[in-house]
Amino acid sequence: MDDASNSWRQQGKPPTLFKRFTFGSYGQTRAFLDALAVLSEQTGQHPQNINFGTTYVNLTLDAADGQALGEADHSFAARIDALAEGAR
């Protein structure tokens, strides 16, 4: 499943990033969610909204400062993208 064409969508009020990740199996979805939990604990950054099913995960990231999306927010999103690739 290719998420490259489904890059993070930036929304304005409040400032957020959104992305849907798709996987080929529940095992891949679970591996991604487990890796995301570890990353969140390591960085102290957490998605504000996680919605998932057997083969997909929807994530919403709020701006860390609540005002504007910054480098830390985009860096966290890029690290999540790398996790998704590793889970496949």
PDB file of N, CA and C in Angstrom:
ATOM      1  N   MET A   1       0.839  -1.171   0.000  1.00  0.00           N
ATOM      2  CA  MET A   1       0.000   0.000   0.000  1.00  0.00           C
ATOM      3  C   MET A   1       0.887   1.237   0.000  1.00  0.00           C
ATOM      4  N   ASP A   2       0.650   2.130  -0.877  1.00  0.00           N
ATOM      5  CA  ASP A   2       1.524   3.280  -1.060  1.00  0.00           C
ATOM      6  C   ASP A   2       0.942   4.521  -0.413  1.00  0.00           C
ATOM      7  N   ASP A   3       1.638   5.034   0.607  1.00  0.00           N
ATOM      8  CA  ASP A   3       1.206   6.263   1.259  1.00  0.00           C
ATOM      9  C   ASP A   3       1.912   7.492   0.702  1.00  0.00           C
ATOM     10  N   ALA A   4       2.861   7.293  -0.230  1.00  0.00           N
ATOM     11  CA  ALA A   4       3.601   8.437  -0.774  1.00  0.00           C
ATOM     12  C   ALA A   4       2.651   9.421  -1.443  1.00  0.00           C
ATOM     13  N   SER A   5       1.605   8.908  -2.096  1.00  0.00           N
ATOM     14  CA  SER A   5       0.650   9.799  -2.748  1.00  0.00           C
ATOM     15  C   SER A   5      -0.323  10.398  -1.731  1.00  0.00           C
ATOM     16  N   ASN A   6      -0.300   9.883  -0.525  1.00  0.00           N
ATOM     17  CA  ASN A   6      -1.186  10.356   0.537  1.00  0.00           C
ATOM     18  C   ASN A   6      -0.338  11.034   1.608  1.00  0.00           C
ATOM     19  N   SER A   7       0.283  12.158   1.254  1.00  0.00           N
ATOM     20  CA  SER A   7       1.143  12.847   2.222  1.00  0.00           C
ATOM     21  C   SER A   7       0.283  13.466   3.325  1.00  0.00           C
ATOM     22  N   TRP A   8       0.947  13.920   4.356  1.00  0.00           N
ATOM     23  CA  TRP A   8       0.238  14.551   5.474  1.00  0.00           C
ATOM     24  C   TRP A   8      -0.550  15.747   4.972  1.00  0.00           C
ATOM     25  N   ARG A   9      -1.784  15.825   5.374  1.00  0.00           N
ATOM     26  CA  ARG A   9      -2.652  16.940   4.999  1.00  0.00           C
ATOM     27  C   ARG A   9      -2.669  17.937   6.158  1.00  0.00           C
ATOM     28  N   GLN A  10      -2.312  19.166   5.836  1.00  0.00           N
ATOM     29  CA  GLN A  10      -2.283  20.218   6.855  1.00  0.00           C
ATOM     30  C   GLN A  10      -3.633  20.907   6.890  1.00  0.00           C
ATOM     31  N   GLN A  11      -4.157  21.079   8.103  1.00  0.00           N
ATOM     32  CA  GLN A  11      -5.430  21.758   8.288  1.00  0.00           C
ATOM     33  C   GLN A  11      -5.210  22.947   9.201  1.00  0.00           C
ATOM     34  N   GLY A  12      -6.072  23.940   9.093  1.00  0.00           N
ATOM     35  CA  GLY A  12      -5.794  25.225   9.700  1.00  0.00           C
ATOM     36  C   GLY A  12      -6.232  25.508  11.107  1.00  0.00           C
ATOM     37  N   LYS A  13      -7.452  25.245  11.503  1.00  0.00           N
ATOM     38  CA  LYS A  13      -7.935  25.717  12.799  1.00  0.00           C
ATOM     39  C   LYS A  13      -8.605  24.589  13.553  1.00  0.00           C
ATOM     40  N   PRO A  14      -8.011  24.061  14.583  1.00  0.00           N
ATOM     41  CA  PRO A  14      -6.648  24.335  15.046  1.00  0.00           C
ATOM     42  C   PRO A  14      -5.635  23.734  14.076  1.00  0.00           C
ATOM     43  N   PRO A  15      -4.379  24.174  14.130  1.00  0.00           N
ATOM     44  CA  PRO A  15      -3.385  23.666  13.197  1.00  0.00           C
ATOM     45  C   PRO A  15      -3.088  22.186  13.468  1.00  0.00           C
ATOM     46  N   THR A  16      -3.333  21.356  12.459  1.00  0.00           N
ATOM     47  CA  THR A  16      -3.117  19.918  12.596  1.00  0.00           C
ATOM     48  C   THR A  16      -2.519  19.338  11.323  1.00  0.00           C
ATOM     49  N   LEU A  17      -1.962  18.143  11.476  1.00  0.00           N
ATOM     50  CA  LEU A  17      -1.550  17.314  10.347  1.00  0.00           C
ATOM     51  C   LEU A  17      -2.370  16.031  10.422  1.00  0.00           C
ATOM     52  N   PHE A  18      -2.834  15.531   9.273  1.00  0.00           N
ATOM     53  CA  PHE A  18      -3.626  14.309   9.220  1.00  0.00           C
ATOM     54  C   PHE A  18      -3.073  13.396   8.137  1.00  0.00           C
ATOM     55  N   LYS A  19      -3.083  12.085   8.428  1.00  0.00           N
ATOM     56  CA  LYS A  19      -2.685  11.109   7.415  1.00  0.00           C
ATOM     57  C   LYS A  19      -3.351   9.775   7.690  1.00  0.00           C
ATOM     58  N   ARG A  20      -3.701   9.089   6.619  1.00  0.00           N
ATOM     59  CA  ARG A  20      -4.236   7.725   6.698  1.00  0.00           C
ATOM     60  C   ARG A  20      -3.156   6.781   6.193  1.00  0.00           C
ATOM     61  N   PHE A  21      -2.840   5.778   6.985  1.00  0.00           N
ATOM     62  CA  PHE A  21      -1.881   4.743   6.624  1.00  0.00           C
ATOM     63  C   PHE A  21      -2.656   3.460   6.354  1.00  0.00           C
ATOM     64  N   THR A  22      -2.299   2.759   5.296  1.00  0.00           N
ATOM     65  CA  THR A  22      -2.937   1.484   4.995  1.00  0.00           C
ATOM     66  C   THR A  22      -1.895   0.383   5.014  1.00  0.00           C
ATOM     67  N   PHE A  23      -2.327  -0.797   5.446  1.00  0.00           N
ATOM     68  CA  PHE A  23      -1.433  -1.944   5.591  1.00  0.00           C
ATOM     69  C   PHE A  23      -2.082  -3.173   4.967  1.00  0.00           C
ATOM     70  N   GLY A  24      -1.286  -4.174   4.677  1.00  0.00           N
ATOM     71  CA  GLY A  24      -1.772  -5.378   4.029  1.00  0.00           C
ATOM     72  C   GLY A  24      -2.379  -6.396   4.973  1.00  0.00           C
ATOM     73  N   SER A  25      -2.123  -6.248   6.265  1.00  0.00           N
ATOM     74  CA  SER A  25      -2.632  -7.223   7.225  1.00  0.00           C
ATOM     75  C   SER A  25      -2.751  -6.579   8.605  1.00  0.00           C
ATOM     76  N   TYR A  26      -3.497  -7.264   9.472  1.00  0.00           N
ATOM     77  CA  TYR A  26      -3.626  -6.792  10.845  1.00  0.00           C
ATOM     78  C   TYR A  26      -2.270  -6.807  11.551  1.00  0.00           C
ATOM     79  N   GLY A  27      -1.444  -7.810  11.261  1.00  0.00           N
ATOM     80  CA  GLY A  27      -0.120  -7.893  11.881  1.00  0.00           C
ATOM     81  C   GLY A  27       0.725  -6.661  11.575  1.00  0.00           C
ATOM     82  N   GLN A  28       0.653  -6.181  10.345  1.00  0.00           N
ATOM     83  CA  GLN A  28       1.399  -4.978   9.971  1.00  0.00           C
ATOM     84  C   GLN A  28       0.829  -3.749  10.688  1.00  0.00           C
ATOM     85  N   THR A  29      -0.496  -3.678  10.764  1.00  0.00           N
ATOM     86  CA  THR A  29      -1.132  -2.557  11.466  1.00  0.00           C
ATOM     87  C   THR A  29      -0.703  -2.554  12.924  1.00  0.00           C
ATOM     88  N   ARG A  30      -0.730  -3.709  13.546  1.00  0.00           N
ATOM     89  CA  ARG A  30      -0.359  -3.837  14.960  1.00  0.00           C
ATOM     90  C   ARG A  30       1.107  -3.479  15.177  1.00  0.00           C
ATOM     91  N   ALA A  31       1.990  -3.943  14.282  1.00  0.00           N
ATOM     92  CA  ALA A  31       3.415  -3.618  14.401  1.00  0.00           C
ATOM     93  C   ALA A  31       3.619  -2.102  14.331  1.00  0.00           C
ATOM     94  N   PHE A  32       2.898  -1.438  13.431  1.00  0.00           N
ATOM     95  CA  PHE A  32       2.988   0.020  13.306  1.00  0.00           C
ATOM     96  C   PHE A  32       2.516   0.707  14.591  1.00  0.00           C
ATOM     97  N   LEU A  33       1.364   0.286  15.117  1.00  0.00           N
ATOM     98  CA  LEU A  33       0.839   0.908  16.333  1.00  0.00           C
ATOM     99  C   LEU A  33       1.774   0.691  17.524  1.00  0.00           C
ATOM    100  N   ASP A  34       2.359  -0.496  17.621  1.00  0.00           N
ATOM    101  CA  ASP A  34       3.313  -0.768  18.707  1.00  0.00           C
ATOM    102  C   ASP A  34       4.551   0.121  18.576  1.00  0.00           C
ATOM    103  N   ALA A  35       5.071   0.249  17.353  1.00  0.00           N
ATOM    104  CA  ALA A  35       6.248   1.096  17.122  1.00  0.00           C
ATOM    105  C   ALA A  35       5.916   2.565  17.389  1.00  0.00           C
ATOM    106  N   LEU A  36       4.706   2.991  17.031  1.00  0.00           N
ATOM    107  CA  LEU A  36       4.273   4.365  17.297  1.00  0.00           C
ATOM    108  C   LEU A  36       4.218   4.632  18.799  1.00  0.00           C
ATOM    109  N   ALA A  37       3.756   3.665  19.563  1.00  0.00           N
ATOM    110  CA  ALA A  37       3.706   3.823  21.020  1.00  0.00           C
ATOM    111  C   ALA A  37       5.111   4.014  21.595  1.00  0.00           C
ATOM    112  N   VAL A  38       6.066   3.238  21.107  1.00  0.00           N
ATOM    113  CA  VAL A  38       7.456   3.364  21.573  1.00  0.00           C
ATOM    114  C   VAL A  38       8.014   4.732  21.191  1.00  0.00           C
ATOM    115  N   LEU A  39       7.807   5.147  19.941  1.00  0.00           N
ATOM    116  CA  LEU A  39       8.292   6.452  19.489  1.00  0.00           C
ATOM    117  C   LEU A  39       7.684   7.572  20.331  1.00  0.00           C
ATOM    118  N   SER A  40       6.411   7.496  20.605  1.00  0.00           N
ATOM    119  CA  SER A  40       5.744   8.534  21.390  1.00  0.00           C
ATOM    120  C   SER A  40       6.321   8.619  22.796  1.00  0.00           C
ATOM    121  N   GLU A  41       6.585   7.475  23.398  1.00  0.00           N
ATOM    122  CA  GLU A  41       7.183   7.476  24.732  1.00  0.00           C
ATOM    123  C   GLU A  41       8.603   8.048  24.700  1.00  0.00           C
ATOM    124  N   GLN A  42       9.355   7.728  23.655  1.00  0.00           N
ATOM    125  CA  GLN A  42      10.733   8.224  23.537  1.00  0.00           C
ATOM    126  C   GLN A  42      10.780   9.728  23.331  1.00  0.00           C
ATOM    127  N   THR A  43       9.878  10.256  22.519  1.00  0.00           N
ATOM    128  CA  THR A  43       9.925  11.674  22.153  1.00  0.00           C
ATOM    129  C   THR A  43       9.067  12.565  23.034  1.00  0.00           C
ATOM    130  N   GLY A  44       8.094  11.971  23.721  1.00  0.00           N
ATOM    131  CA  GLY A  44       7.153  12.778  24.490  1.00  0.00           C
ATOM    132  C   GLY A  44       6.094  13.427  23.618  1.00  0.00           C
ATOM    133  N   GLN A  45       6.078  13.103  22.336  1.00  0.00           N
ATOM    134  CA  GLN A  45       5.067  13.618  21.408  1.00  0.00           C
ATOM    135  C   GLN A  45       4.068  12.492  21.140  1.00  0.00           C
ATOM    136  N   HIS A  46       2.805  12.854  21.094  1.00  0.00           N
ATOM    137  CA  HIS A  46       1.759  11.859  20.909  1.00  0.00           C
ATOM    138  C   HIS A  46       0.741  12.360  19.899  1.00  0.00           C
ATOM    139  N   PRO A  47       0.255  11.473  19.031  1.00  0.00           N
ATOM    140  CA  PRO A  47      -0.860  11.880  18.166  1.00  0.00           C
ATOM    141  C   PRO A  47      -2.058  12.236  19.044  1.00  0.00           C
ATOM    142  N   GLN A  48      -2.806  13.246  18.646  1.00  0.00           N
ATOM    143  CA  GLN A  48      -3.960  13.649  19.434  1.00  0.00           C
ATOM    144  C   GLN A  48      -5.170  12.773  19.136  1.00  0.00           C
ATOM    145  N   ASN A  49      -5.190  12.168  17.957  1.00  0.00           N
ATOM    146  CA  ASN A  49      -6.304  11.317  17.586  1.00  0.00           C
ATOM    147  C   ASN A  49      -5.765  10.142  16.788  1.00  0.00           C
ATOM    148  N   ILE A  50      -6.116   8.930  17.224  1.00  0.00           N
ATOM    149  CA  ILE A  50      -5.758   7.705  16.507  1.00  0.00           C
ATOM    150  C   ILE A  50      -7.051   6.929  16.295  1.00  0.00           C
ATOM    151  N   ASN A  51      -7.324   6.611  15.042  1.00  0.00           N
ATOM    152  CA  ASN A  51      -8.477   5.797  14.688  1.00  0.00           C
ATOM    153  C   ASN A  51      -7.935   4.676  13.828  1.00  0.00           C
ATOM    154  N   PHE A  52      -8.277   3.417  14.136  1.00  0.00           N
ATOM    155  CA  PHE A  52      -7.720   2.328  13.339  1.00  0.00           C
ATOM    156  C   PHE A  52      -8.695   1.181  13.177  1.00  0.00           C
ATOM    157  N   GLY A  53      -8.446   0.410  12.144  1.00  0.00           N
ATOM    158  CA  GLY A  53      -9.182  -0.809  11.863  1.00  0.00           C
ATOM    159  C   GLY A  53      -8.174  -1.893  11.525  1.00  0.00           C
ATOM    160  N   THR A  54      -8.634  -2.964  10.964  1.00  0.00           N
ATOM    161  CA  THR A  54      -7.778  -4.113  10.686  1.00  0.00           C
ATOM    162  C   THR A  54      -6.578  -3.751   9.827  1.00  0.00           C
ATOM    163  N   THR A  55      -6.777  -2.938   8.789  1.00  0.00           N
ATOM    164  CA  THR A  55      -5.681  -2.643   7.856  1.00  0.00           C
ATOM    165  C   THR A  55      -5.474  -1.153   7.610  1.00  0.00           C
ATOM    166  N   TYR A  56      -5.881  -0.305   8.555  1.00  0.00           N
ATOM    167  CA  TYR A  56      -5.626   1.130   8.381  1.00  0.00           C
ATOM    168  C   TYR A  56      -5.452   1.808   9.743  1.00  0.00           C
ATOM    169  N   VAL A  57      -4.778   2.954   9.694  1.00  0.00           N
ATOM    170  CA  VAL A  57      -4.637   3.816  10.870  1.00  0.00           C
ATOM    171  C   VAL A  57      -4.774   5.257  10.393  1.00  0.00           C
ATOM    172  N   ASN A  58      -5.660   6.021  11.016  1.00  0.00           N
ATOM    173  CA  ASN A  58      -5.784   7.457  10.778  1.00  0.00           C
ATOM    174  C   ASN A  58      -5.149   8.175  11.958  1.00  0.00           C
ATOM    175  N   LEU A  59      -4.259   9.125  11.671  1.00  0.00           N
ATOM    176  CA  LEU A  59      -3.579   9.884  12.723  1.00  0.00           C
ATOM    177  C   LEU A  59      -3.799  11.379  12.539  1.00  0.00           C
ATOM    178  N   THR A  60      -4.004  12.071  13.637  1.00  0.00           N
ATOM    179  CA  THR A  60      -4.048  13.527  13.646  1.00  0.00           C
ATOM    180  C   THR A  60      -3.017  14.024  14.651  1.00  0.00           C
ATOM    181  N   LEU A  61      -2.168  14.920  14.202  1.00  0.00           N
ATOM    182  CA  LEU A  61      -1.160  15.548  15.060  1.00  0.00           C
ATOM    183  C   LEU A  61      -1.513  17.016  15.222  1.00  0.00           C
ATOM    184  N   ASP A  62      -1.642  17.465  16.451  1.00  0.00           N
ATOM    185  CA  ASP A  62      -1.865  18.886  16.718  1.00  0.00           C
ATOM    186  C   ASP A  62      -0.522  19.590  16.795  1.00  0.00           C
ATOM    187  N   ALA A  63      -0.521  20.898  16.537  1.00  0.00           N
ATOM    188  CA  ALA A  63       0.696  21.695  16.687  1.00  0.00           C
ATOM    189  C   ALA A  63       1.162  21.597  18.136  1.00  0.00           C
ATOM    190  N   ALA A  64       2.451  21.343  18.317  1.00  0.00           N
ATOM    191  CA  ALA A  64       3.007  21.161  19.665  1.00  0.00           C
ATOM    192  C   ALA A  64       2.741  22.375  20.548  1.00  0.00           C
ATOM    193  N   ASP A  65       2.807  23.556  19.974  1.00  0.00           N
ATOM    194  CA  ASP A  65       2.590  24.763  20.775  1.00  0.00           C
ATOM    195  C   ASP A  65       1.135  25.239  20.731  1.00  0.00           C
ATOM    196  N   GLY A  66       0.291  24.531  19.983  1.00  0.00           N
ATOM    197  CA  GLY A  66      -1.112  24.909  19.876  1.00  0.00           C
ATOM    198  C   GLY A  66      -1.384  26.096  18.973  1.00  0.00           C
ATOM    199  N   GLN A  67      -0.324  26.703  18.457  1.00  0.00           N
ATOM    200  CA  GLN A  67      -0.476  27.915  17.649  1.00  0.00           C
ATOM    201  C   GLN A  67      -0.164  27.710  16.171  1.00  0.00           C
ATOM    202  N   ALA A  68       0.965  27.060  15.896  1.00  0.00           N
ATOM    203  CA  ALA A  68       1.404  26.875  14.509  1.00  0.00           C
ATOM    204  C   ALA A  68       2.224  25.595  14.407  1.00  0.00           C
ATOM    205  N   LEU A  69       2.101  24.914  13.284  1.00  0.00           N
ATOM    206  CA  LEU A  69       2.900  23.717  13.049  1.00  0.00           C
ATOM    207  C   LEU A  69       4.343  24.132  12.815  1.00  0.00           C
ATOM    208  N   GLY A  70       5.246  23.481  13.520  1.00  0.00           N
ATOM    209  CA  GLY A  70       6.657  23.822  13.413  1.00  0.00           C
ATOM    210  C   GLY A  70       7.501  22.642  12.986  1.00  0.00           C
ATOM    211  N   GLU A  71       8.799  22.835  13.032  1.00  0.00           N
ATOM    212  CA  GLU A  71       9.755  21.805  12.623  1.00  0.00           C
ATOM    213  C   GLU A  71       9.588  20.530  13.449  1.00  0.00           C
ATOM    214  N   ALA A  72       9.356  20.656  14.738  1.00  0.00           N
ATOM    215  CA  ALA A  72       9.190  19.476  15.593  1.00  0.00           C
ATOM    216  C   ALA A  72       7.983  18.644  15.167  1.00  0.00           C
ATOM    217  N   ASP A  73       6.912  19.298  14.766  1.00  0.00           N
ATOM    218  CA  ASP A  73       5.708  18.593  14.323  1.00  0.00           C
ATOM    219  C   ASP A  73       5.967  17.848  13.020  1.00  0.00           C
ATOM    220  N   HIS A  74       6.613  18.515  12.087  1.00  0.00           N
ATOM    221  CA  HIS A  74       6.911  17.885  10.793  1.00  0.00           C
ATOM    222  C   HIS A  74       7.954  16.778  10.938  1.00  0.00           C
ATOM    223  N   SER A  75       8.890  16.952  11.838  1.00  0.00           N
ATOM    224  CA  SER A  75       9.890  15.918  12.101  1.00  0.00           C
ATOM    225  C   SER A  75       9.230  14.677  12.699  1.00  0.00           C
ATOM    226  N   PHE A  76       8.306  14.867  13.627  1.00  0.00           N
ATOM    227  CA  PHE A  76       7.580  13.750  14.230  1.00  0.00           C
ATOM    228  C   PHE A  76       6.777  13.022  13.150  1.00  0.00           C
ATOM    229  N   ALA A  77       6.131  13.760  12.261  1.00  0.00           N
ATOM    230  CA  ALA A  77       5.372  13.155  11.162  1.00  0.00           C
ATOM    231  C   ALA A  77       6.291  12.324  10.262  1.00  0.00           C
ATOM    232  N   ALA A  78       7.475  12.839   9.967  1.00  0.00           N
ATOM    233  CA  ALA A  78       8.431  12.098   9.123  1.00  0.00           C
ATOM    234  C   ALA A  78       8.886  10.815   9.817  1.00  0.00           C
ATOM    235  N   ARG A  79       9.075  10.874  11.114  1.00  0.00           N
ATOM    236  CA  ARG A  79       9.466   9.669  11.853  1.00  0.00           C
ATOM    237  C   ARG A  79       8.333   8.640  11.850  1.00  0.00           C
ATOM    238  N   ILE A  80       7.096   9.098  11.890  1.00  0.00           N
ATOM    239  CA  ILE A  80       5.955   8.192  11.813  1.00  0.00           C
ATOM    240  C   ILE A  80       5.912   7.538  10.429  1.00  0.00           C
ATOM    241  N   ASP A  81       6.178   8.317   9.383  1.00  0.00           N
ATOM    242  CA  ASP A  81       6.235   7.747   8.028  1.00  0.00           C
ATOM    243  C   ASP A  81       7.256   6.622   7.964  1.00  0.00           C
ATOM    244  N   ALA A  82       8.421   6.815   8.571  1.00  0.00           N
ATOM    245  CA  ALA A  82       9.463   5.784   8.565  1.00  0.00           C
ATOM    246  C   ALA A  82       8.995   4.535   9.319  1.00  0.00           C
ATOM    247  N   LEU A  83       8.268   4.714  10.403  1.00  0.00           N
ATOM    248  CA  LEU A  83       7.715   3.571  11.131  1.00  0.00           C
ATOM    249  C   LEU A  83       6.763   2.764  10.246  1.00  0.00           C
ATOM    250  N   ALA A  84       5.936   3.474   9.497  1.00  0.00           N
ATOM    251  CA  ALA A  84       4.967   2.800   8.625  1.00  0.00           C
ATOM    252  C   ALA A  84       5.690   1.958   7.588  1.00  0.00           C
ATOM    253  N   GLU A  85       6.748   2.496   7.035  1.00  0.00           N
ATOM    254  CA  GLU A  85       7.534   1.720   6.050  1.00  0.00           C
ATOM    255  C   GLU A  85       8.143   0.487   6.695  1.00  0.00           C
ATOM    256  N   GLY A  86       8.609   0.606   7.911  1.00  0.00           N
ATOM    257  CA  GLY A  86       9.213  -0.516   8.617  1.00  0.00           C
ATOM    258  C   GLY A  86       8.207  -1.581   9.010  1.00  0.00           C
ATOM    259  N   ALA A  87       6.943  -1.211   9.137  1.00  0.00           N
ATOM    260  CA  ALA A  87       5.911  -2.161   9.538  1.00  0.00           C
ATOM    261  C   ALA A  87       5.417  -3.003   8.375  1.00  0.00           C
ATOM    262  N   ARG A  88       5.755  -2.607   7.167  1.00  0.00           N
ATOM    263  CA  ARG A  88       5.261  -3.323   5.984  1.00  0.00           C
ATOM    264  C   ARG A  88       6.159  -4.464   5.613  1.00  0.00           C
TER     265      ARG A  88
END
